[in-house]
């Protein structure tokens, strides 16, 4: 008889992933997929929710009907700041609005006029003023700009919980999604912020459940225990909290690169806000000090520019090894060359300056400038804590040039990386397992390795 496996859908902005884990949390199957975007009513690109659901249902159905695997448990991790609004019949009312869609200035101004001042509000809610990324304000925006649509909403689900709803039909809210820069949660009260009640938003948010809550369902003729879903960055943190005995910072990389310090022991301070930090939430409701950078998105955009400029394939960077001489030269020059497309920097030139003759040198320049920004964000969450361990997972953990440059910039902090596939999927599996992983688990099963910076003469 086959032992039951845990299935996890790990939904990123770029890659959609499906994993199977055995009872010892070892990966036994993986599948990657990419989906084209659709557009909302304003023509702004966004996730094609219908296509995503169709792929998930087909993927799970194929696995269940293959006869190769016995799946007992299903859970989900995904990016946050995205809401699915359901009507009385449980059907999706609106597009899954992209968190990069601009928030109308008048909506933000009216909100902070009612519930500010901004500093006090953001400190209490563990957020920065970030437009649609403050996903709670998406509901306020709908109420202000689309009152007819807003009036039809029966409940609003963050994306991880909507993915669970697809398979269970049970609408729930979950702490890690609610606590992730939504502007919904007041960390000082450990409850929804007063604006949620005053605007009547609380009636649209289903009951809060812990991340280990399970629903027993029959789907496609198979009995499954289905979890409520979990925010991807909070999920990524779980395996490290379980298996690492000393304080650390986790850099979870992907479209967003998020530095997470779960050892601060308190809510956001004014000083934290001045360092551009925000709060995420652990599965136990405790705050996590975080600093986010749109690193993967910027990297993707700049790779297109490099490919065009140097007439190379877009993925040519995979062939570029770290060159100490090139790094020393760029670091010594200390001049910014790249004009960011989705990041902000004080010393960013008005236009990209193509100062290098080769792709290799230009790529080193790009990664160096990104690493300067990234190292600053990491130092923000470390603060005065003196933490000397940094773990990196996600796509950038495989980027040799990135890891080496970051090691050089962050000395004496010791960097360790894990297999890039780990991401948040393992955390989502752990969240619904009711079990713990032993110390040394990541090193044994997920290629956890130490990186010592090269000695540069």
Protein backbone atom coordinates (compact mmCIF):
# COMPACT_ATOMS: atom_id res chain seq x y z
CA UNK A 1 0.00 0.00 0.00
CA UNK A 2 1.36 3.39 -0.99
CA UNK A 3 2.08 5.83 1.83
CA UNK A 4 0.07 9.07 1.58
CA UNK A 5 1.90 12.10 0.24
CA UNK A 6 1.40 15.82 0.78
CA UNK A 7 0.69 17.84 -2.35
CA UNK A 8 1.52 21.56 -2.46
CA UNK A 9 0.74 24.18 -5.06
CA UNK A 10 3.32 26.96 -4.77
CA UNK A 11 2.08 29.89 -6.84
CA UNK A 12 4.54 32.64 -7.67
CA UNK A 13 4.06 35.64 -9.90
CA UNK A 14 6.27 34.05 -12.56
CA UNK A 15 6.39 30.30 -11.88
CA UNK A 16 3.52 28.05 -10.88
CA UNK A 17 4.83 24.95 -9.11
CA UNK A 18 3.40 21.67 -7.89
CA UNK A 19 5.22 19.41 -5.42
CA UNK A 20 4.70 16.07 -3.72
CA UNK A 21 6.41 15.43 -0.37
CA UNK A 22 6.68 12.12 1.47
CA UNK A 23 6.09 11.66 5.20
CA UNK A 24 9.69 12.69 5.90
CA UNK A 25 9.24 15.92 3.88
CA UNK A 26 11.46 14.76 1.06
CA UNK A 27 10.48 15.92 -2.40
CA UNK A 28 9.31 13.06 -4.63
CA UNK A 29 7.77 15.00 -7.52
CA UNK A 30 7.80 18.50 -8.94
CA UNK A 31 6.18 20.25 -11.87
CA UNK A 32 6.74 23.82 -13.10
CA UNK A 33 4.39 25.81 -15.29
CA UNK A 34 4.05 29.36 -16.64
CA UNK A 35 0.80 31.05 -17.59
CA UNK A 36 0.21 34.09 -19.80
CA UNK A 37 -1.29 37.12 -18.09
CA UNK A 38 -4.71 38.54 -18.78
CA UNK A 39 -5.84 42.17 -18.40
CA UNK A 40 -8.32 43.85 -16.09
CA UNK A 41 -11.05 46.27 -17.18
CA UNK A 42 -8.48 49.09 -17.40
CA UNK A 43 -6.15 47.05 -19.58
CA UNK A 44 -3.64 46.49 -16.75
CA UNK A 45 -1.91 43.07 -16.86
CA UNK A 46 -2.81 40.64 -14.10
CA UNK A 47 -3.03 36.97 -13.14
CA UNK A 48 -5.46 34.91 -15.21
CA UNK A 49 -7.28 33.36 -12.27
CA UNK A 50 -9.47 31.14 -14.44
CA UNK A 51 -6.45 29.69 -16.26
CA UNK A 52 -4.60 29.21 -12.96
CA UNK A 53 -7.48 27.28 -11.41
CA UNK A 54 -7.87 25.15 -14.55
CA UNK A 55 -4.16 24.23 -14.48
CA UNK A 56 -4.30 23.37 -10.77
CA UNK A 57 -7.36 21.17 -11.15
CA UNK A 58 -5.93 19.39 -14.16
CA UNK A 59 -2.54 18.88 -12.49
CA UNK A 60 -3.97 17.43 -9.29
CA UNK A 61 -6.47 15.33 -11.24
CA UNK A 62 -3.69 13.84 -13.35
CA UNK A 63 -1.68 12.92 -10.25
CA UNK A 64 -4.65 11.42 -8.41
CA UNK A 65 -5.73 9.37 -11.42
CA UNK A 66 -2.25 8.23 -12.45
CA UNK A 67 -2.15 5.40 -9.93
CA UNK A 68 1.48 6.24 -9.16
CA UNK A 69 0.89 8.34 -6.05
CA UNK A 70 -1.42 8.32 -3.04
CA UNK A 71 -2.15 11.91 -2.00
CA UNK A 72 -3.60 12.40 1.46
CA UNK A 73 -3.05 16.09 2.13
CA UNK A 74 -3.17 19.23 0.00
CA UNK A 75 -2.01 22.74 0.83
CA UNK A 76 -1.08 25.97 -0.93
CA UNK A 77 1.43 28.79 -0.76
CA UNK A 78 1.28 31.85 -2.93
CA UNK A 79 2.19 35.49 -3.21
CA UNK A 80 0.08 37.91 -1.23
CA UNK A 81 -1.48 41.36 -1.66
CA UNK A 82 -4.06 39.89 -4.02
CA UNK A 83 -7.76 39.41 -3.28
CA UNK A 84 -10.43 37.27 -4.90
CA UNK A 85 -13.87 38.83 -4.34
CA UNK A 86 -16.76 36.36 -4.33
CA UNK A 87 -20.46 37.04 -4.86
CA UNK A 88 -23.45 35.38 -3.19
CA UNK A 89 -23.05 32.33 -5.41
CA UNK A 90 -19.36 31.97 -4.62
CA UNK A 91 -18.26 33.15 -8.06
CA UNK A 92 -15.37 35.56 -8.61
CA UNK A 93 -16.67 39.09 -9.23
CA UNK A 94 -13.58 40.96 -10.40
CA UNK A 95 -10.13 40.32 -11.86
CA UNK A 96 -7.41 39.44 -9.38
CA UNK A 97 -6.09 43.00 -9.41
CA UNK A 98 -2.32 43.21 -9.77
CA UNK A 99 -0.62 44.69 -6.72
CA UNK A 100 1.54 46.76 -9.07
CA UNK A 101 -1.53 48.54 -10.46
CA UNK A 102 -1.37 52.21 -9.43
CA UNK A 103 -3.72 53.24 -6.63
CA UNK A 104 -5.55 56.51 -7.45
CA UNK A 105 -3.95 59.28 -5.42
CA UNK A 106 -7.30 60.70 -4.29
CA UNK A 107 -8.26 57.32 -2.80
CA UNK A 108 -5.06 57.12 -0.74
CA UNK A 109 -5.34 60.75 0.33
CA UNK A 110 -8.92 60.32 1.53
CA UNK A 111 -8.00 57.13 3.38
CA UNK A 112 -5.11 58.67 5.33
CA UNK A 113 -7.16 61.81 5.98
CA UNK A 114 -9.70 59.60 7.75
CA UNK A 115 -7.43 57.10 9.47
CA UNK A 116 -3.99 58.73 9.67
CA UNK A 117 -1.66 60.29 10.39
CA UNK A 118 0.31 58.07 8.04
CA UNK A 119 3.23 57.41 10.41
CA UNK A 120 1.02 56.26 13.26
CA UNK A 121 -1.17 54.15 11.00
CA UNK A 122 1.74 52.45 9.26
CA UNK A 123 3.54 51.77 12.54
CA UNK A 124 0.43 50.17 14.03
CA UNK A 125 -0.28 48.05 10.96
CA UNK A 126 3.34 47.14 10.21
CA UNK A 127 3.16 48.59 6.72
CA UNK A 128 4.52 51.29 4.51
CA UNK A 129 2.32 53.37 2.25
CA UNK A 130 2.37 51.14 -0.82
CA UNK A 131 -0.84 51.51 -2.78
CA UNK A 132 -2.29 48.21 -4.00
CA UNK A 133 0.39 46.29 -2.06
CA UNK A 134 -1.61 47.30 1.00
CA UNK A 135 -4.25 44.84 -0.15
CA UNK A 136 -6.80 45.93 2.44
CA UNK A 137 -6.93 49.27 0.66
CA UNK A 138 -8.03 47.45 -2.48
CA UNK A 139 -11.37 46.96 -0.74
CA UNK A 140 -11.48 50.63 0.23
CA UNK A 141 -10.70 51.51 -3.40
CA UNK A 142 -13.51 49.30 -4.70
CA UNK A 143 -15.92 50.85 -2.22
CA UNK A 144 -14.95 54.35 -3.35
CA UNK A 145 -14.59 53.78 -7.10
CA UNK A 146 -16.82 50.77 -7.86
CA UNK A 147 -19.60 50.92 -5.25
CA UNK A 148 -21.96 48.75 -7.30
CA UNK A 149 -19.38 45.97 -7.54
CA UNK A 150 -18.42 46.41 -3.90
CA UNK A 151 -22.05 45.97 -2.87
CA UNK A 152 -22.15 42.55 -4.53
CA UNK A 153 -19.18 41.15 -2.58
CA UNK A 154 -20.10 38.39 -0.14
CA UNK A 155 -16.53 37.70 0.96
CA UNK A 156 -12.96 38.56 -0.01
CA UNK A 157 -10.19 35.98 0.13
CA UNK A 158 -6.45 36.45 -0.11
CA UNK A 159 -5.01 34.37 -2.92
CA UNK A 160 -3.69 31.45 -0.79
CA UNK A 161 -7.10 31.08 0.84
CA UNK A 162 -8.92 31.38 -2.48
CA UNK A 163 -6.83 28.51 -3.86
CA UNK A 164 -7.92 26.43 -0.87
CA UNK A 165 -11.54 27.52 -1.40
CA UNK A 166 -11.42 26.16 -4.96
CA UNK A 167 -11.02 22.66 -3.52
CA UNK A 168 -13.04 22.94 -0.29
CA UNK A 169 -15.77 25.48 -0.95
CA UNK A 170 -15.05 26.83 2.56
CA UNK A 171 -14.08 30.54 2.77
CA UNK A 172 -11.54 31.34 5.50
CA UNK A 173 -8.97 33.98 6.41
CA UNK A 174 -5.51 33.04 7.71
CA UNK A 175 -3.04 34.98 9.85
CA UNK A 176 0.03 35.07 7.59
CA UNK A 177 -1.99 36.52 4.69
CA UNK A 178 -3.82 39.05 6.87
CA UNK A 179 -0.56 40.14 8.54
CA UNK A 180 1.40 40.66 5.33
CA UNK A 181 1.51 44.46 4.66
CA UNK A 182 -2.27 44.48 4.09
CA UNK A 183 -2.98 47.47 6.39
CA UNK A 184 -5.80 45.34 7.83
CA UNK A 185 -4.14 44.13 11.03
CA UNK A 186 -3.31 46.31 14.03
CA UNK A 187 -0.28 44.69 15.64
CA UNK A 188 -0.66 46.82 18.76
CA UNK A 189 -4.18 45.43 19.36
CA UNK A 190 -3.64 41.98 17.84
CA UNK A 191 -6.89 42.52 15.98
CA UNK A 192 -8.22 44.14 12.84
CA UNK A 193 -7.57 47.88 12.68
CA UNK A 194 -10.53 50.08 13.55
CA UNK A 195 -10.89 51.25 9.93
CA UNK A 196 -11.85 47.71 8.91
CA UNK A 197 -14.93 47.86 11.12
CA UNK A 198 -15.76 51.51 10.43
CA UNK A 199 -15.82 50.86 6.67
CA UNK A 200 -17.78 47.62 7.05
CA UNK A 201 -14.91 45.61 5.61
CA UNK A 202 -14.91 43.15 8.52
CA UNK A 203 -18.16 41.60 7.29
CA UNK A 204 -16.43 40.62 4.05
CA UNK A 205 -13.50 38.84 5.71
CA UNK A 206 -14.22 35.19 6.61
CA UNK A 207 -13.31 33.75 10.02
CA UNK A 208 -9.61 33.63 10.84
CA UNK A 209 -8.15 30.13 11.17
CA UNK A 210 -4.65 28.90 12.10
CA UNK A 211 -2.36 27.70 9.31
CA UNK A 212 -2.68 24.07 10.46
CA UNK A 213 -6.48 23.97 10.10
CA UNK A 214 -7.64 21.12 7.86
CA UNK A 215 -10.87 20.43 5.99
CA UNK A 216 -11.78 16.88 4.99
CA UNK A 217 -13.21 16.87 1.47
CA UNK A 218 -13.85 14.52 -1.40
CA UNK A 219 -12.47 15.83 -4.65
CA UNK A 220 -12.46 13.96 -7.93
CA UNK A 221 -13.51 10.79 -6.13
CA UNK A 222 -10.59 11.00 -3.69
CA UNK A 223 -10.59 11.80 0.03
CA UNK A 224 -8.28 14.69 0.89
CA UNK A 225 -7.33 16.77 3.90
CA UNK A 226 -6.99 20.32 2.60
CA UNK A 227 -5.16 23.16 4.37
CA UNK A 228 -6.16 26.83 4.30
CA UNK A 229 -3.14 28.06 2.35
CA UNK A 230 -0.30 30.23 3.61
CA UNK A 231 1.53 33.35 2.43
CA UNK A 232 4.68 32.28 0.60
CA UNK A 233 7.25 34.30 2.54
CA UNK A 234 5.88 33.13 5.89
CA UNK A 235 5.85 29.56 4.57
CA UNK A 236 9.48 29.84 3.48
CA UNK A 237 10.44 30.81 7.02
CA UNK A 238 8.95 27.72 8.69
CA UNK A 239 11.62 25.10 7.83
CA UNK A 240 14.37 27.40 9.09
CA UNK A 241 12.59 28.20 12.35
CA UNK A 242 12.19 24.47 12.93
CA UNK A 243 15.68 23.31 12.05
CA UNK A 244 18.06 26.20 12.85
CA UNK A 245 18.98 26.68 16.48
CA UNK A 246 20.60 30.13 16.34
CA UNK A 247 19.23 33.57 15.32
CA UNK A 248 19.32 34.18 11.59
CA UNK A 249 17.93 36.27 8.75
CA UNK A 250 16.28 34.56 5.79
CA UNK A 251 16.47 36.09 2.34
CA UNK A 252 13.60 34.60 0.36
CA UNK A 253 14.19 35.39 -3.30
CA UNK A 254 11.95 35.40 -6.34
CA UNK A 255 10.00 38.18 -8.02
CA UNK A 256 10.33 39.88 -4.65
CA UNK A 257 13.39 39.45 -2.49
CA UNK A 258 12.33 39.63 1.14
CA UNK A 259 14.72 39.77 4.08
CA UNK A 260 13.04 38.30 7.16
CA UNK A 261 14.18 38.58 10.78
CA UNK A 262 11.88 36.54 13.06
CA UNK A 263 13.89 37.30 16.20
CA UNK A 264 12.96 40.93 16.88
CA UNK A 265 10.35 39.97 19.48
CA UNK A 266 8.12 42.98 18.95
CA UNK A 267 6.08 45.06 16.59
CA UNK A 268 7.35 47.72 14.21
CA UNK A 269 8.99 50.79 15.73
CA UNK A 270 9.32 54.27 14.27
CA UNK A 271 13.05 53.57 13.79
CA UNK A 272 12.18 50.42 11.86
CA UNK A 273 9.87 52.42 9.61
CA UNK A 274 12.62 54.96 8.97
CA UNK A 275 14.72 52.04 7.68
CA UNK A 276 11.85 51.13 5.32
CA UNK A 277 10.98 47.96 7.25
CA UNK A 278 7.55 46.38 7.55
CA UNK A 279 5.99 43.46 9.41
CA UNK A 280 5.12 40.03 8.16
CA UNK A 281 3.49 37.48 10.42
CA UNK A 282 4.50 34.01 11.56
CA UNK A 283 1.98 31.20 11.65
CA UNK A 284 1.76 31.66 15.43
CA UNK A 285 0.75 35.31 15.00
CA UNK A 286 4.10 36.77 16.05
CA UNK A 287 5.50 39.66 13.97
CA UNK A 288 8.50 39.27 11.68
CA UNK A 289 10.65 42.26 10.78
CA UNK A 290 10.93 42.39 6.99
CA UNK A 291 12.39 44.47 4.21
CA UNK A 292 11.28 43.83 0.64
CA UNK A 293 12.99 44.59 -2.65
CA UNK A 294 11.53 44.08 -6.14
CA UNK A 295 14.80 42.35 -7.02
CA UNK A 296 13.65 39.49 -9.23
CA UNK A 297 11.39 41.75 -11.25
CA UNK A 298 14.17 44.29 -11.84
CA UNK A 299 16.64 41.54 -12.67
CA UNK A 300 14.22 40.15 -15.27
CA UNK A 301 13.71 43.55 -16.90
CA UNK A 302 17.43 44.33 -17.02
CA UNK A 303 18.25 40.92 -18.53
CA UNK A 304 16.08 41.89 -21.49
CA UNK A 305 18.15 45.06 -21.89
CA UNK A 306 21.44 43.16 -21.67
CA UNK A 307 20.31 40.58 -24.23
CA UNK A 308 19.33 43.31 -26.66
CA UNK A 309 22.45 45.42 -26.11
CA UNK A 310 24.96 42.60 -26.49
CA UNK A 311 22.97 40.45 -28.93
CA UNK A 312 22.93 37.44 -26.62
CA UNK A 313 20.24 34.94 -25.62
CA UNK A 314 18.25 36.14 -22.64
CA UNK A 315 19.48 33.27 -20.47
CA UNK A 316 23.13 33.82 -21.38
CA UNK A 317 23.84 34.97 -17.82
CA UNK A 318 23.76 31.31 -16.74
CA UNK A 319 27.10 30.93 -18.51
CA UNK A 320 28.76 33.81 -16.64
CA UNK A 321 31.01 32.80 -13.75
CA UNK A 322 32.16 35.17 -11.03
CA UNK A 323 35.26 37.09 -12.14
CA UNK A 324 37.23 38.54 -9.19
CA UNK A 325 39.16 40.97 -11.39
CA UNK A 326 35.97 42.32 -12.94
CA UNK A 327 34.35 42.65 -9.50
CA UNK A 328 37.34 44.53 -8.05
CA UNK A 329 37.34 46.97 -10.97
CA UNK A 330 33.61 47.71 -10.69
CA UNK A 331 33.75 48.06 -6.92
CA UNK A 332 36.74 50.40 -7.11
CA UNK A 333 35.03 52.61 -9.70
CA UNK A 334 31.98 52.89 -7.44
CA UNK A 335 29.83 54.43 -10.18
CA UNK A 336 26.19 53.51 -10.77
CA UNK A 337 25.45 52.60 -14.39
CA UNK A 338 21.92 51.18 -14.45
CA UNK A 339 18.69 53.11 -14.58
CA UNK A 340 16.20 51.06 -12.56
CA UNK A 341 12.81 50.28 -14.05
CA UNK A 342 11.01 49.11 -10.90
CA UNK A 343 13.34 50.11 -8.05
CA UNK A 344 14.26 53.39 -6.41
CA UNK A 345 17.79 54.50 -5.60
CA UNK A 346 19.31 57.86 -4.71
CA UNK A 347 22.29 57.48 -7.04
CA UNK A 348 20.42 56.02 -10.02
CA UNK A 349 21.44 57.74 -13.30
CA UNK A 350 18.79 59.28 -15.54
CA UNK A 351 19.61 56.75 -18.26
CA UNK A 352 21.55 53.52 -18.26
CA UNK A 353 25.19 54.15 -19.11
CA UNK A 354 26.66 51.34 -21.18
CA UNK A 355 30.25 51.63 -19.99
CA UNK A 356 31.35 48.04 -20.63
CA UNK A 357 32.36 46.39 -23.88
CA UNK A 358 31.34 42.86 -22.92
CA UNK A 359 28.22 41.16 -21.64
CA UNK A 360 30.21 39.62 -18.79
CA UNK A 361 31.36 42.98 -17.45
CA UNK A 362 27.93 44.59 -17.84
CA UNK A 363 26.32 41.64 -16.08
CA UNK A 364 28.80 41.94 -13.20
CA UNK A 365 27.96 45.66 -13.01
CA UNK A 366 24.23 44.90 -12.86
CA UNK A 367 24.53 42.25 -10.17
CA UNK A 368 26.90 44.42 -8.13
CA UNK A 369 24.46 47.32 -8.10
CA UNK A 370 21.59 45.01 -7.18
CA UNK A 371 23.71 43.49 -4.40
CA UNK A 372 24.44 46.95 -2.99
CA UNK A 373 20.70 47.52 -2.65
CA UNK A 374 20.10 44.03 -1.32
CA UNK A 375 22.83 44.23 1.31
CA UNK A 376 21.34 47.49 2.57
CA UNK A 377 17.92 45.88 2.97
CA UNK A 378 19.45 42.95 4.84
CA UNK A 379 21.25 45.31 7.22
CA UNK A 380 17.93 47.10 7.81
CA UNK A 381 16.34 44.01 9.36
CA UNK A 382 19.47 43.07 11.30
CA UNK A 383 19.68 46.51 12.88
CA UNK A 384 21.60 46.30 16.15
CA UNK A 385 20.84 42.60 16.66
CA UNK A 386 24.31 41.44 15.64
CA UNK A 387 22.97 38.46 13.69
CA UNK A 388 25.76 36.70 11.77
CA UNK A 389 23.80 34.04 9.84
CA UNK A 390 22.04 34.66 6.53
CA UNK A 391 20.13 31.93 4.71
CA UNK A 392 19.16 32.40 1.08
CA UNK A 393 16.58 30.36 -0.76
CA UNK A 394 14.63 30.76 -3.97
CA UNK A 395 15.92 31.45 -7.46
CA UNK A 396 18.90 33.65 -6.54
CA UNK A 397 20.37 30.93 -4.32
CA UNK A 398 21.68 29.33 -7.54
CA UNK A 399 23.19 32.53 -8.92
CA UNK A 400 26.93 32.21 -8.30
CA UNK A 401 27.74 35.83 -9.15
CA UNK A 402 25.00 37.15 -6.86
CA UNK A 403 25.97 34.92 -3.93
CA UNK A 404 29.69 35.72 -4.18
CA UNK A 405 29.15 39.48 -4.45
CA UNK A 406 26.71 39.49 -1.55
CA UNK A 407 29.22 37.49 0.51
CA UNK A 408 31.89 40.09 -0.22
CA UNK A 409 29.61 42.98 0.73
CA UNK A 410 28.24 41.41 3.93
CA UNK A 411 31.44 40.05 5.49
CA UNK A 412 31.58 38.88 8.33
CA UNK A 413 27.99 37.63 7.99
CA UNK A 414 28.06 33.96 6.99
CA UNK A 415 25.86 33.02 4.04
CA UNK A 416 24.23 29.64 3.55
CA UNK A 417 22.04 28.61 0.64
CA UNK A 418 19.50 25.86 0.11
CA UNK A 419 18.23 24.12 -2.99
CA UNK A 420 16.26 26.69 -4.98
CA UNK A 421 13.22 24.42 -5.23
CA UNK A 422 12.68 24.59 -1.47
CA UNK A 423 11.02 27.98 -1.49
CA UNK A 424 7.77 28.07 0.41
CA UNK A 425 6.44 24.67 -0.69
CA UNK A 426 8.14 22.76 2.12
CA UNK A 427 6.80 25.28 4.63
CA UNK A 428 3.27 24.80 3.32
CA UNK A 429 3.68 21.04 3.73
CA UNK A 430 5.05 21.48 7.25
CA UNK A 431 2.21 23.81 8.26
CA UNK A 432 -0.42 21.08 7.89
CA UNK A 433 1.68 18.11 9.02
CA UNK A 434 1.45 18.47 12.79
CA UNK A 435 5.06 17.31 12.91
CA UNK A 436 8.50 18.87 13.23
CA UNK A 437 11.70 18.44 11.29
CA UNK A 438 14.96 17.64 13.10
CA UNK A 439 18.06 19.78 13.30
CA UNK A 440 20.27 19.18 10.29
CA UNK A 441 17.31 18.34 8.05
CA UNK A 442 17.99 21.07 5.50
CA UNK A 443 21.64 20.14 5.19
CA UNK A 444 20.80 16.47 4.69
CA UNK A 445 17.90 16.79 2.26
CA UNK A 446 17.98 20.24 0.67
CA UNK A 447 21.62 20.92 -0.13
CA UNK A 448 22.17 23.48 2.61
CA UNK A 449 25.71 24.68 2.14
CA UNK A 450 28.01 27.34 3.51
CA UNK A 451 29.63 30.00 1.35
CA UNK A 452 33.00 31.45 2.24
CA UNK A 453 33.87 34.64 0.35
CA UNK A 454 36.82 34.32 -2.00
CA UNK A 455 40.01 36.04 -0.85
CA UNK A 456 40.54 38.87 -3.32
CA UNK A 457 44.13 40.05 -3.72
